[in-house]
PDB file of N, CA and C in Angstrom:
ATOM      1  N   MET A   1      96.761 185.358 -49.266  1.00  0.00           N
ATOM      2  CA  MET A   1      97.942 185.190 -50.080  1.00  0.00           C
ATOM      3  C   MET A   1      98.941 184.356 -49.292  1.00  0.00           C
ATOM      4  N   ALA A   2      99.642 183.468 -49.995  1.00  0.00           N
ATOM      5  CA  ALA A   2     100.643 182.626 -49.357  1.00  0.00           C
ATOM      6  C   ALA A   2     101.803 182.394 -50.322  1.00  0.00           C
ATOM      7  N   ARG A   3     102.996 182.331 -49.775  1.00  0.00           N
ATOM      8  CA  ARG A   3     104.176 182.005 -50.574  1.00  0.00           C
ATOM      9  C   ARG A   3     104.294 180.488 -50.619  1.00  0.00           C
ATOM     10  N   LEU A   4     104.313 179.948 -51.837  1.00  0.00           N
ATOM     11  CA  LEU A   4     104.431 178.502 -52.002  1.00  0.00           C
ATOM     12  C   LEU A   4     105.884 178.066 -51.976  1.00  0.00           C
ATOM     13  N   GLY A   5     106.772 178.947 -52.385  1.00  0.00           N
ATOM     14  CA  GLY A   5     108.191 178.653 -52.432  1.00  0.00           C
ATOM     15  C   GLY A   5     108.828 179.413 -53.572  1.00  0.00           C
ATOM     16  N   GLY A   6     110.100 179.709 -53.441  1.00  0.00           N
ATOM     17  CA  GLY A   6     110.784 180.438 -54.504  1.00  0.00           C
ATOM     18  C   GLY A   6     110.060 181.728 -54.824  1.00  0.00           C
ATOM     19  N   ASP A   7     109.732 181.890 -56.092  1.00  0.00           N
ATOM     20  CA  ASP A   7     109.017 183.097 -56.511  1.00  0.00           C
ATOM     21  C   ASP A   7     107.564 182.788 -56.862  1.00  0.00           C
ATOM     22  N   GLU A   8     107.005 181.754 -56.262  1.00  0.00           N
ATOM     23  CA  GLU A   8     105.615 181.383 -56.526  1.00  0.00           C
ATOM     24  C   GLU A   8     104.742 181.650 -55.305  1.00  0.00           C
ATOM     25  N   PHE A   9     103.619 182.306 -55.577  1.00  0.00           N
ATOM     26  CA  PHE A   9     102.667 182.679 -54.540  1.00  0.00           C
ATOM     27  C   PHE A   9     101.281 182.211 -54.958  1.00  0.00           C
ATOM     28  N   ALA A  10     100.421 182.049 -53.989  1.00  0.00           N
ATOM     29  CA  ALA A  10      99.023 181.701 -54.259  1.00  0.00           C
ATOM     30  C   ALA A  10      98.135 182.766 -53.627  1.00  0.00           C
ATOM     31  N   VAL A  11      97.101 183.144 -54.356  1.00  0.00           N
ATOM     32  CA  VAL A  11      96.099 184.071 -53.848  1.00  0.00           C
ATOM     33  C   VAL A  11      94.763 183.365 -53.975  1.00  0.00           C
ATOM     34  N   LEU A  12      94.044 183.237 -52.877  1.00  0.00           N
ATOM     35  CA  LEU A  12      92.726 182.619 -52.899  1.00  0.00           C
ATOM     36  C   LEU A  12      91.674 183.714 -52.839  1.00  0.00           C
ATOM     37  N   LEU A  13      90.732 183.666 -53.762  1.00  0.00           N
ATOM     38  CA  LEU A  13      89.648 184.644 -53.806  1.00  0.00           C
ATOM     39  C   LEU A  13      88.345 183.960 -53.422  1.00  0.00           C
ATOM     40  N   GLY A  14      87.629 184.552 -52.529  1.00  0.00           N
ATOM     41  CA  GLY A  14      86.321 184.041 -52.148  1.00  0.00           C
ATOM     42  C   GLY A  14      85.231 184.943 -52.693  1.00  0.00           C
ATOM     43  N   GLY A  15      84.010 184.464 -52.650  1.00  0.00           N
ATOM     44  CA  GLY A  15      82.870 185.282 -53.047  1.00  0.00           C
ATOM     45  C   GLY A  15      82.729 185.509 -54.535  1.00  0.00           C
ATOM     46  N   LEU A  16      83.340 184.643 -55.334  1.00  0.00           N
ATOM     47  CA  LEU A  16      83.202 184.776 -56.787  1.00  0.00           C
ATOM     48  C   LEU A  16      81.833 184.264 -57.226  1.00  0.00           C
ATOM     49  N   HIS A  17      81.455 184.626 -58.426  1.00  0.00           N
ATOM     50  CA  HIS A  17      80.166 184.211 -58.988  1.00  0.00           C
ATOM     51  C   HIS A  17      80.042 182.689 -58.938  1.00  0.00           C
ATOM     52  N   PRO A  18      78.853 182.169 -58.676  1.00  0.00           N
ATOM     53  CA  PRO A  18      78.691 180.717 -58.596  1.00  0.00           C
ATOM     54  C   PRO A  18      78.848 179.996 -59.941  1.00  0.00           C
ATOM     55  N   GLU A  19      78.641 180.686 -61.043  1.00  0.00           N
ATOM     56  CA  GLU A  19      78.834 180.060 -62.360  1.00  0.00           C
ATOM     57  C   GLU A  19      80.323 180.145 -62.720  1.00  0.00           C
ATOM     58  N   ARG A  20      80.857 179.023 -63.158  1.00  0.00           N
ATOM     59  CA  ARG A  20      82.290 178.886 -63.402  1.00  0.00           C
ATOM     60  C   ARG A  20      82.839 179.925 -64.387  1.00  0.00           C
ATOM     61  N   LYS A  21      82.150 180.164 -65.489  1.00  0.00           N
ATOM     62  CA  LYS A  21      82.644 181.100 -66.504  1.00  0.00           C
ATOM     63  C   LYS A  21      82.692 182.530 -65.949  1.00  0.00           C
ATOM     64  N   ALA A  22      81.655 182.918 -65.224  1.00  0.00           N
ATOM     65  CA  ALA A  22      81.629 184.251 -64.616  1.00  0.00           C
ATOM     66  C   ALA A  22      82.706 184.369 -63.536  1.00  0.00           C
ATOM     67  N   ALA A  23      82.896 183.305 -62.767  1.00  0.00           N
ATOM     68  CA  ALA A  23      83.938 183.300 -61.739  1.00  0.00           C
ATOM     69  C   ALA A  23      85.318 183.445 -62.378  1.00  0.00           C
ATOM     70  N   ALA A  24      85.528 182.785 -63.522  1.00  0.00           N
ATOM     71  CA  ALA A  24      86.808 182.891 -64.225  1.00  0.00           C
ATOM     72  C   ALA A  24      87.062 184.329 -64.680  1.00  0.00           C
ATOM     73  N   LEU A  25      86.025 185.009 -65.145  1.00  0.00           N
ATOM     74  CA  LEU A  25      86.173 186.411 -65.557  1.00  0.00           C
ATOM     75  C   LEU A  25      86.527 187.294 -64.361  1.00  0.00           C
ATOM     76  N   GLU A  26      85.877 187.057 -63.236  1.00  0.00           N
ATOM     77  CA  GLU A  26      86.190 187.826 -62.029  1.00  0.00           C
ATOM     78  C   GLU A  26      87.619 187.554 -61.556  1.00  0.00           C
ATOM     79  N   ALA A  27      88.023 186.294 -61.602  1.00  0.00           N
ATOM     80  CA  ALA A  27      89.378 185.930 -61.186  1.00  0.00           C
ATOM     81  C   ALA A  27      90.408 186.543 -62.124  1.00  0.00           C
ATOM     82  N   ARG A  28      90.124 186.532 -63.434  1.00  0.00           N
ATOM     83  CA  ARG A  28      91.036 187.150 -64.409  1.00  0.00           C
ATOM     84  C   ARG A  28      91.179 188.638 -64.111  1.00  0.00           C
ATOM     85  N   SER A  29      90.078 189.305 -63.820  1.00  0.00           N
ATOM     86  CA  SER A  29      90.111 190.732 -63.525  1.00  0.00           C
ATOM     87  C   SER A  29      90.981 191.020 -62.300  1.00  0.00           C
ATOM     88  N   ALA A  30      90.825 190.221 -61.246  1.00  0.00           N
ATOM     89  CA  ALA A  30      91.648 190.382 -60.044  1.00  0.00           C
ATOM     90  C   ALA A  30      93.116 190.127 -60.362  1.00  0.00           C
ATOM     91  N   ALA A  31      93.393 189.094 -61.158  1.00  0.00           N
ATOM     92  CA  ALA A  31      94.773 188.766 -61.529  1.00  0.00           C
ATOM     93  C   ALA A  31      95.398 189.882 -62.356  1.00  0.00           C
ATOM     94  N   GLU A  32      94.633 190.491 -63.241  1.00  0.00           N
ATOM     95  CA  GLU A  32      95.144 191.614 -64.043  1.00  0.00           C
ATOM     96  C   GLU A  32      95.525 192.784 -63.145  1.00  0.00           C
ATOM     97  N   LYS A  33      94.718 193.062 -62.132  1.00  0.00           N
ATOM     98  CA  LYS A  33      95.043 194.146 -61.199  1.00  0.00           C
ATOM     99  C   LYS A  33      96.349 193.833 -60.470  1.00  0.00           C
ATOM    100  N   ILE A  34      96.523 192.597 -60.061  1.00  0.00           N
ATOM    101  CA  ILE A  34      97.761 192.180 -59.396  1.00  0.00           C
ATOM    102  C   ILE A  34      98.934 192.315 -60.358  1.00  0.00           C
ATOM    103  N   ARG A  35      98.756 191.834 -61.602  1.00  0.00           N
ATOM    104  CA  ARG A  35      99.826 191.899 -62.604  1.00  0.00           C
ATOM    105  C   ARG A  35     100.255 193.341 -62.847  1.00  0.00           C
ATOM    106  N   LEU A  36      99.289 194.228 -63.037  1.00  0.00           N
ATOM    107  CA  LEU A  36      99.611 195.630 -63.297  1.00  0.00           C
ATOM    108  C   LEU A  36     100.348 196.268 -62.121  1.00  0.00           C
ATOM    109  N   SER A  37      99.939 195.934 -60.914  1.00  0.00           N
ATOM    110  CA  SER A  37     100.588 196.479 -59.724  1.00  0.00           C
ATOM    111  C   SER A  37     102.035 195.989 -59.605  1.00  0.00           C
ATOM    112  N   LEU A  38     102.241 194.699 -59.830  1.00  0.00           N
ATOM    113  CA  LEU A  38     103.587 194.129 -59.707  1.00  0.00           C
ATOM    114  C   LEU A  38     104.504 194.528 -60.857  1.00  0.00           C
ATOM    115  N   ALA A  39     103.947 194.870 -62.009  1.00  0.00           N
ATOM    116  CA  ALA A  39     104.754 195.197 -63.189  1.00  0.00           C
ATOM    117  C   ALA A  39     105.317 196.614 -63.151  1.00  0.00           C
ATOM    118  N   ARG A  40     104.841 197.435 -62.208  1.00  0.00           N
ATOM    119  CA  ARG A  40     105.360 198.803 -62.114  1.00  0.00           C
ATOM    120  C   ARG A  40     106.821 198.770 -61.671  1.00  0.00           C
ATOM    121  N   PRO A  41     107.651 199.637 -62.258  1.00  0.00           N
ATOM    122  CA  PRO A  41     109.057 199.689 -61.850  1.00  0.00           C
ATOM    123  C   PRO A  41     109.193 200.212 -60.422  1.00  0.00           C
ATOM    124  N   PHE A  42     110.250 199.792 -59.758  1.00  0.00           N
ATOM    125  CA  PHE A  42     110.514 200.273 -58.409  1.00  0.00           C
ATOM    126  C   PHE A  42     112.004 200.495 -58.223  1.00  0.00           C
ATOM    127  N   GLU A  43     112.332 201.364 -57.269  1.00  0.00           N
ATOM    128  CA  GLU A  43     113.721 201.695 -56.981  1.00  0.00           C
ATOM    129  C   GLU A  43     114.299 200.717 -55.967  1.00  0.00           C
ATOM    130  N   VAL A  44     115.507 200.271 -56.216  1.00  0.00           N
ATOM    131  CA  VAL A  44     116.230 199.410 -55.287  1.00  0.00           C
ATOM    132  C   VAL A  44     117.439 200.197 -54.795  1.00  0.00           C
ATOM    133  N   MET A  45     117.523 200.369 -53.493  1.00  0.00           N
ATOM    134  CA  MET A  45     118.640 201.097 -52.892  1.00  0.00           C
ATOM    135  C   MET A  45     119.693 200.093 -52.419  1.00  0.00           C
ATOM    136  N   THR A  46     120.962 200.418 -52.683  1.00  0.00           N
ATOM    137  CA  THR A  46     122.069 199.557 -52.253  1.00  0.00           C
ATOM    138  C   THR A  46     123.171 200.403 -51.626  1.00  0.00           C
ATOM    139  N   ARG A  47     124.062 199.740 -50.917  1.00  0.00           N
ATOM    140  CA  ARG A  47     125.276 200.373 -50.384  1.00  0.00           C
ATOM    141  C   ARG A  47     126.449 199.484 -50.753  1.00  0.00           C
ATOM    142  N   ASP A  48     127.526 200.108 -51.168  1.00  0.00           N
ATOM    143  CA  ASP A  48     128.726 199.315 -51.436  1.00  0.00           C
ATOM    144  C   ASP A  48     129.504 199.137 -50.135  1.00  0.00           C
ATOM    145  N   GLU A  49     130.670 198.513 -50.225  1.00  0.00           N
ATOM    146  CA  GLU A  49     131.448 198.208 -49.016  1.00  0.00           C
ATOM    147  C   GLU A  49     131.943 199.460 -48.291  1.00  0.00           C
ATOM    148  N   THR A  50     131.986 200.599 -48.979  1.00  0.00           N
ATOM    149  CA  THR A  50     132.407 201.856 -48.336  1.00  0.00           C
ATOM    150  C   THR A  50     131.235 202.603 -47.710  1.00  0.00           C
ATOM    151  N   GLY A  51     130.014 202.102 -47.937  1.00  0.00           N
ATOM    152  CA  GLY A  51     128.833 202.757 -47.403  1.00  0.00           C
ATOM    153  C   GLY A  51     128.169 203.707 -48.382  1.00  0.00           C
ATOM    154  N   LYS A  52     128.776 203.857 -49.567  1.00  0.00           N
ATOM    155  CA  LYS A  52     128.197 204.746 -50.572  1.00  0.00           C
ATOM    156  C   LYS A  52     126.877 204.163 -51.079  1.00  0.00           C
ATOM    157  N   LYS A  53     125.847 205.023 -51.082  1.00  0.00           N
ATOM    158  CA  LYS A  53     124.524 204.595 -51.540  1.00  0.00           C
ATOM    159  C   LYS A  53     124.407 204.746 -53.048  1.00  0.00           C
ATOM    160  N   SER A  54     123.653 203.834 -53.611  1.00  0.00           N
ATOM    161  CA  SER A  54     123.290 203.958 -55.021  1.00  0.00           C
ATOM    162  C   SER A  54     121.925 203.294 -55.193  1.00  0.00           C
ATOM    163  N   SER A  55     121.321 203.552 -56.318  1.00  0.00           N
ATOM    164  CA  SER A  55     120.015 202.939 -56.567  1.00  0.00           C
ATOM    165  C   SER A  55     119.890 202.608 -58.041  1.00  0.00           C
ATOM    166  N   PHE A  56     118.992 201.728 -58.320  1.00  0.00           N
ATOM    167  CA  PHE A  56     118.664 201.414 -59.710  1.00  0.00           C
ATOM    168  C   PHE A  56     117.192 201.093 -59.796  1.00  0.00           C
ATOM    169  N   ARG A  57     116.676 201.267 -60.983  1.00  0.00           N
ATOM    170  CA  ARG A  57     115.270 201.000 -61.228  1.00  0.00           C
ATOM    171  C   ARG A  57     115.135 199.541 -61.665  1.00  0.00           C
ATOM    172  N   HIS A  58     114.192 198.832 -61.059  1.00  0.00           N
ATOM    173  CA  HIS A  58     114.017 197.407 -61.361  1.00  0.00           C
ATOM    174  C   HIS A  58     112.603 197.154 -61.878  1.00  0.00           C
ATOM    175  N   PHE A  59     112.511 196.303 -62.889  1.00  0.00           N
ATOM    176  CA  PHE A  59     111.221 195.887 -63.434  1.00  0.00           C
ATOM    177  C   PHE A  59     111.094 194.391 -63.192  1.00  0.00           C
ATOM    178  N   CYS A  60     109.947 193.969 -62.775  1.00  0.00           N
ATOM    179  CA  CYS A  60     109.737 192.554 -62.486  1.00  0.00           C
ATOM    180  C   CYS A  60     108.353 192.139 -62.981  1.00  0.00           C
ATOM    181  N   PRO A  61     108.151 192.140 -64.311  1.00  0.00           N
ATOM    182  CA  PRO A  61     106.819 191.808 -64.827  1.00  0.00           C
ATOM    183  C   PRO A  61     106.466 190.345 -64.544  1.00  0.00           C
ATOM    184  N   PRO A  62     105.340 190.111 -63.896  1.00  0.00           N
ATOM    185  CA  PRO A  62     104.987 188.754 -63.486  1.00  0.00           C
ATOM    186  C   PRO A  62     104.173 187.996 -64.531  1.00  0.00           C
ATOM    187  N   SER A  63     104.124 186.714 -64.355  1.00  0.00           N
ATOM    188  CA  SER A  63     103.184 185.850 -65.068  1.00  0.00           C
ATOM    189  C   SER A  63     102.284 185.250 -64.003  1.00  0.00           C
ATOM    190  N   LEU A  64     100.990 185.196 -64.301  1.00  0.00           N
ATOM    191  CA  LEU A  64     100.042 184.650 -63.335  1.00  0.00           C
ATOM    192  C   LEU A  64      99.228 183.539 -63.978  1.00  0.00           C
ATOM    193  N   GLY A  65      99.135 182.425 -63.283  1.00  0.00           N
ATOM    194  CA  GLY A  65      98.277 181.320 -63.692  1.00  0.00           C
ATOM    195  C   GLY A  65      97.071 181.276 -62.777  1.00  0.00           C
ATOM    196  N   VAL A  66      95.887 181.156 -63.359  1.00  0.00           N
ATOM    197  CA  VAL A  66      94.645 181.196 -62.600  1.00  0.00           C
ATOM    198  C   VAL A  66      93.903 179.885 -62.780  1.00  0.00           C
ATOM    199  N   ALA A  67      93.425 179.325 -61.687  1.00  0.00           N
ATOM    200  CA  ALA A  67      92.570 178.139 -61.735  1.00  0.00           C
ATOM    201  C   ALA A  67      91.330 178.427 -60.903  1.00  0.00           C
ATOM    202  N   VAL A  68      90.169 178.137 -61.470  1.00  0.00           N
ATOM    203  CA  VAL A  68      88.908 178.351 -60.777  1.00  0.00           C
ATOM    204  C   VAL A  68      88.436 177.006 -60.251  1.00  0.00           C
ATOM    205  N   PHE A  69      88.002 176.987 -59.005  1.00  0.00           N
ATOM    206  CA  PHE A  69      87.517 175.749 -58.407  1.00  0.00           C
ATOM    207  C   PHE A  69      86.331 176.056 -57.527  1.00  0.00           C
ATOM    208  N   GLY A  70      85.626 175.043 -57.157  1.00  0.00           N
ATOM    209  CA  GLY A  70      84.504 175.203 -56.246  1.00  0.00           C
ATOM    210  C   GLY A  70      83.440 174.170 -56.523  1.00  0.00           C
ATOM    211  N   GLY A  71      82.452 174.169 -55.700  1.00  0.00           N
ATOM    212  CA  GLY A  71      81.388 173.185 -55.836  1.00  0.00           C
ATOM    213  C   GLY A  71      81.744 171.914 -55.108  1.00  0.00           C
ATOM    214  N   GLU A  72      80.756 171.123 -54.840  1.00  0.00           N
ATOM    215  CA  GLU A  72      80.971 169.877 -54.115  1.00  0.00           C
ATOM    216  C   GLU A  72      81.784 168.886 -54.921  1.00  0.00           C
ATOM    217  N   GLY A  73      82.846 168.396 -54.319  1.00  0.00           N
ATOM    218  CA  GLY A  73      83.639 167.345 -54.939  1.00  0.00           C
ATOM    219  C   GLY A  73      84.512 167.803 -56.085  1.00  0.00           C
ATOM    220  N   ARG A  74      84.534 169.090 -56.382  1.00  0.00           N
ATOM    221  CA  ARG A  74      85.364 169.590 -57.477  1.00  0.00           C
ATOM    222  C   ARG A  74      86.511 170.411 -56.916  1.00  0.00           C
ATOM    223  N   GLY A  75      87.625 170.371 -57.604  1.00  0.00           N
ATOM    224  CA  GLY A  75      88.728 171.243 -57.250  1.00  0.00           C
ATOM    225  C   GLY A  75      89.529 170.805 -56.048  1.00  0.00           C
ATOM    226  N   LYS A  76      89.971 169.578 -56.044  1.00  0.00           N
ATOM    227  CA  LYS A  76      90.848 169.108 -54.973  1.00  0.00           C
ATOM    228  C   LYS A  76      92.171 169.872 -55.058  1.00  0.00           C
ATOM    229  N   GLU A  77      92.785 170.112 -53.916  1.00  0.00           N
ATOM    230  CA  GLU A  77      93.977 170.956 -53.841  1.00  0.00           C
ATOM    231  C   GLU A  77      95.057 170.624 -54.874  1.00  0.00           C
ATOM    232  N   PRO A  78      95.524 169.362 -55.007  1.00  0.00           N
ATOM    233  CA  PRO A  78      96.574 169.093 -56.001  1.00  0.00           C
ATOM    234  C   PRO A  78      96.128 169.426 -57.424  1.00  0.00           C
ATOM    235  N   GLU A  79      94.875 169.172 -57.747  1.00  0.00           N
ATOM    236  CA  GLU A  79      94.371 169.475 -59.094  1.00  0.00           C
ATOM    237  C   GLU A  79      94.349 170.968 -59.347  1.00  0.00           C
ATOM    238  N   VAL A  80      93.904 171.740 -58.377  1.00  0.00           N
ATOM    239  CA  VAL A  80      93.809 173.191 -58.524  1.00  0.00           C
ATOM    240  C   VAL A  80      95.199 173.799 -58.680  1.00  0.00           C
ATOM    241  N   PHE A  81      96.120 173.453 -57.795  1.00  0.00           N
ATOM    242  CA  PHE A  81      97.470 173.998 -57.892  1.00  0.00           C
ATOM    243  C   PHE A  81      98.165 173.542 -59.167  1.00  0.00           C
ATOM    244  N   GLY A  82      97.923 172.313 -59.580  1.00  0.00           N
ATOM    245  CA  GLY A  82      98.502 171.821 -60.831  1.00  0.00           C
ATOM    246  C   GLY A  82      97.986 172.590 -62.030  1.00  0.00           C
ATOM    247  N   ALA A  83      96.681 172.842 -62.072  1.00  0.00           N
ATOM    248  CA  ALA A  83      96.088 173.598 -63.176  1.00  0.00           C
ATOM    249  C   ALA A  83      96.627 175.025 -63.204  1.00  0.00           C
ATOM    250  N   ALA A  84      96.727 175.657 -62.044  1.00  0.00           N
ATOM    251  CA  ALA A  84      97.258 177.020 -61.976  1.00  0.00           C
ATOM    252  C   ALA A  84      98.721 177.052 -62.400  1.00  0.00           C
ATOM    253  N   ASP A  85      99.492 176.055 -61.992  1.00  0.00           N
ATOM    254  CA  ASP A  85     100.909 175.985 -62.346  1.00  0.00           C
ATOM    255  C   ASP A  85     101.092 175.810 -63.850  1.00  0.00           C
ATOM    256  N   ARG A  86     100.279 174.941 -64.456  1.00  0.00           N
ATOM    257  CA  ARG A  86     100.372 174.753 -65.916  1.00  0.00           C
ATOM    258  C   ARG A  86     100.003 176.041 -66.653  1.00  0.00           C
ATOM    259  N   ALA A  87      98.977 176.742 -66.169  1.00  0.00           N
ATOM    260  CA  ALA A  87      98.585 178.016 -66.779  1.00  0.00           C
ATOM    261  C   ALA A  87      99.710 179.041 -66.631  1.00  0.00           C
ATOM    262  N   LEU A  88     100.329 179.087 -65.462  1.00  0.00           N
ATOM    263  CA  LEU A  88     101.445 179.994 -65.222  1.00  0.00           C
ATOM    264  C   LEU A  88     102.554 179.756 -66.249  1.00  0.00           C
ATOM    265  N   TYR A  89     102.932 178.505 -66.449  1.00  0.00           N
ATOM    266  CA  TYR A  89     104.030 178.207 -67.371  1.00  0.00           C
ATOM    267  C   TYR A  89     103.641 178.419 -68.833  1.00  0.00           C
ATOM    268  N   ARG A  90     102.360 178.290 -69.174  1.00  0.00           N
ATOM    269  CA  ARG A  90     101.925 178.673 -70.527  1.00  0.00           C
ATOM    270  C   ARG A  90     102.153 180.165 -70.729  1.00  0.00           C
ATOM    271  N   GLY A  91     101.859 180.952 -69.706  1.00  0.00           N
ATOM    272  CA  GLY A  91     102.101 182.395 -69.781  1.00  0.00           C
ATOM    273  C   GLY A  91     103.577 182.720 -69.914  1.00  0.00           C
ATOM    274  N   LYS A  92     104.422 182.037 -69.150  1.00  0.00           N
ATOM    275  CA  LYS A  92     105.870 182.253 -69.257  1.00  0.00           C
ATOM    276  C   LYS A  92     106.369 181.870 -70.640  1.00  0.00           C
ATOM    277  N   ASP A  93     105.839 180.771 -71.203  1.00  0.00           N
ATOM    278  CA  ASP A  93     106.230 180.342 -72.544  1.00  0.00           C
ATOM    279  C   ASP A  93     105.839 181.366 -73.607  1.00  0.00           C
ATOM    280  N   ARG A  94     104.826 182.151 -73.322  1.00  0.00           N
ATOM    281  CA  ARG A  94     104.353 183.186 -74.257  1.00  0.00           C
ATOM    282  C   ARG A  94     105.104 184.495 -74.077  1.00  0.00           C
ATOM    283  N   GLY A  95     106.113 184.494 -73.236  1.00  0.00           N
ATOM    284  CA  GLY A  95     106.922 185.685 -73.066  1.00  0.00           C
ATOM    285  C   GLY A  95     106.754 186.399 -71.738  1.00  0.00           C
ATOM    286  N   GLY A  96     105.885 185.899 -70.883  1.00  0.00           N
ATOM    287  CA  GLY A  96     105.702 186.487 -69.566  1.00  0.00           C
ATOM    288  C   GLY A  96     104.821 187.715 -69.563  1.00  0.00           C
ATOM    289  N   ASN A  97     104.716 188.324 -68.392  1.00  0.00           N
ATOM    290  CA  ASN A  97     103.863 189.488 -68.176  1.00  0.00           C
ATOM    291  C   ASN A  97     102.436 189.206 -68.642  1.00  0.00           C
ATOM    292  N   THR A  98     101.923 188.062 -68.249  1.00  0.00           N
ATOM    293  CA  THR A  98     100.620 187.606 -68.724  1.00  0.00           C
ATOM    294  C   THR A  98      99.754 187.089 -67.585  1.00  0.00           C
ATOM    295  N   VAL A  99      98.474 186.961 -67.904  1.00  0.00           N
ATOM    296  CA  VAL A  99      97.526 186.252 -67.054  1.00  0.00           C
ATOM    297  C   VAL A  99      96.932 185.160 -67.924  1.00  0.00           C
ATOM    298  N   VAL A 100      97.044 183.922 -67.489  1.00  0.00           N
ATOM    299  CA  VAL A 100      96.467 182.793 -68.218  1.00  0.00           C
ATOM    300  C   VAL A 100      95.531 182.053 -67.267  1.00  0.00           C
ATOM    301  N   VAL A 101      94.303 181.850 -67.711  1.00  0.00           N
ATOM    302  CA  VAL A 101      93.318 181.121 -66.919  1.00  0.00           C
ATOM    303  C   VAL A 101      93.298 179.679 -67.404  1.00  0.00           C
ATOM    304  N   ALA A 102      93.464 178.736 -66.488  1.00  0.00           N
ATOM    305  CA  ALA A 102      93.450 177.317 -66.828  1.00  0.00           C
ATOM    306  C   ALA A 102      92.148 176.974 -67.543  1.00  0.00           C
ATOM    307  N   GLY A 103      92.272 176.273 -68.645  1.00  0.00           N
ATOM    308  CA  GLY A 103      91.103 175.845 -69.395  1.00  0.00           C
ATOM    309  C   GLY A 103      90.697 176.788 -70.515  1.00  0.00           C
ATOM    310  N   GLU A 104      91.266 177.953 -70.566  1.00  0.00           N
ATOM    311  CA  GLU A 104      90.955 178.878 -71.663  1.00  0.00           C
ATOM    312  C   GLU A 104      91.938 178.670 -72.801  1.00  0.00           C
ATOM    313  N   GLU A 105      91.434 178.663 -74.005  1.00  0.00           N
ATOM    314  CA  GLU A 105      92.287 178.483 -75.177  1.00  0.00           C
ATOM    315  C   GLU A 105      93.138 179.740 -75.440  1.00  0.00           C
ATOM    316  N   ILE A 106      92.517 180.897 -75.306  1.00  0.00           N
ATOM    317  CA  ILE A 106      93.191 182.151 -75.606  1.00  0.00           C
ATOM    318  C   ILE A 106      93.221 182.987 -74.349  1.00  0.00           C
ATOM    319  N   SER A 107      94.342 183.584 -74.053  1.00  0.00           N
ATOM    320  CA  SER A 107      94.446 184.428 -72.866  1.00  0.00           C
ATOM    321  C   SER A 107      94.887 185.823 -73.252  1.00  0.00           C
ATOM    322  N   ALA A 108      94.604 186.760 -72.384  1.00  0.00           N
ATOM    323  CA  ALA A 108      95.024 188.131 -72.616  1.00  0.00           C
ATOM    324  C   ALA A 108      96.497 188.275 -72.208  1.00  0.00           C
ATOM    325  N   SER A 109      97.252 188.969 -72.999  1.00  0.00           N
ATOM    326  CA  SER A 109      98.637 189.271 -72.676  1.00  0.00           C
ATOM    327  C   SER A 109      98.825 190.759 -72.736  1.00  0.00           C
ATOM    328  N   SER A 110      99.723 191.227 -71.947  1.00  0.00           N
ATOM    329  CA  SER A 110     100.023 192.674 -71.948  1.00  0.00           C
ATOM    330  C   SER A 110     101.495 192.881 -72.083  1.00  0.00           C
TER     331      SER A 110
END
């Protein structure tokens, strides 16, 4: 996992199925697990200027764009990141809290 900048991160998965369609299903499954984990609410603790503590519950449902690459001569870095970025923004355009796999017409939303 690596932070690309801002609120964008990249996760590289190895050992996926050699067939592209099967690899996409495996990648989608991993992305869904990440989405579900990140979408859980969490407590944020704060202190005001007097030192008084308070907390609030925060929700941060993510959108994930997935691009599958591999094989000889396929999936150059700019192409892969570009495809994942476009998929990510398709998910955001659909309201967020989604996983969109680049190249798929229909994606699962939660």
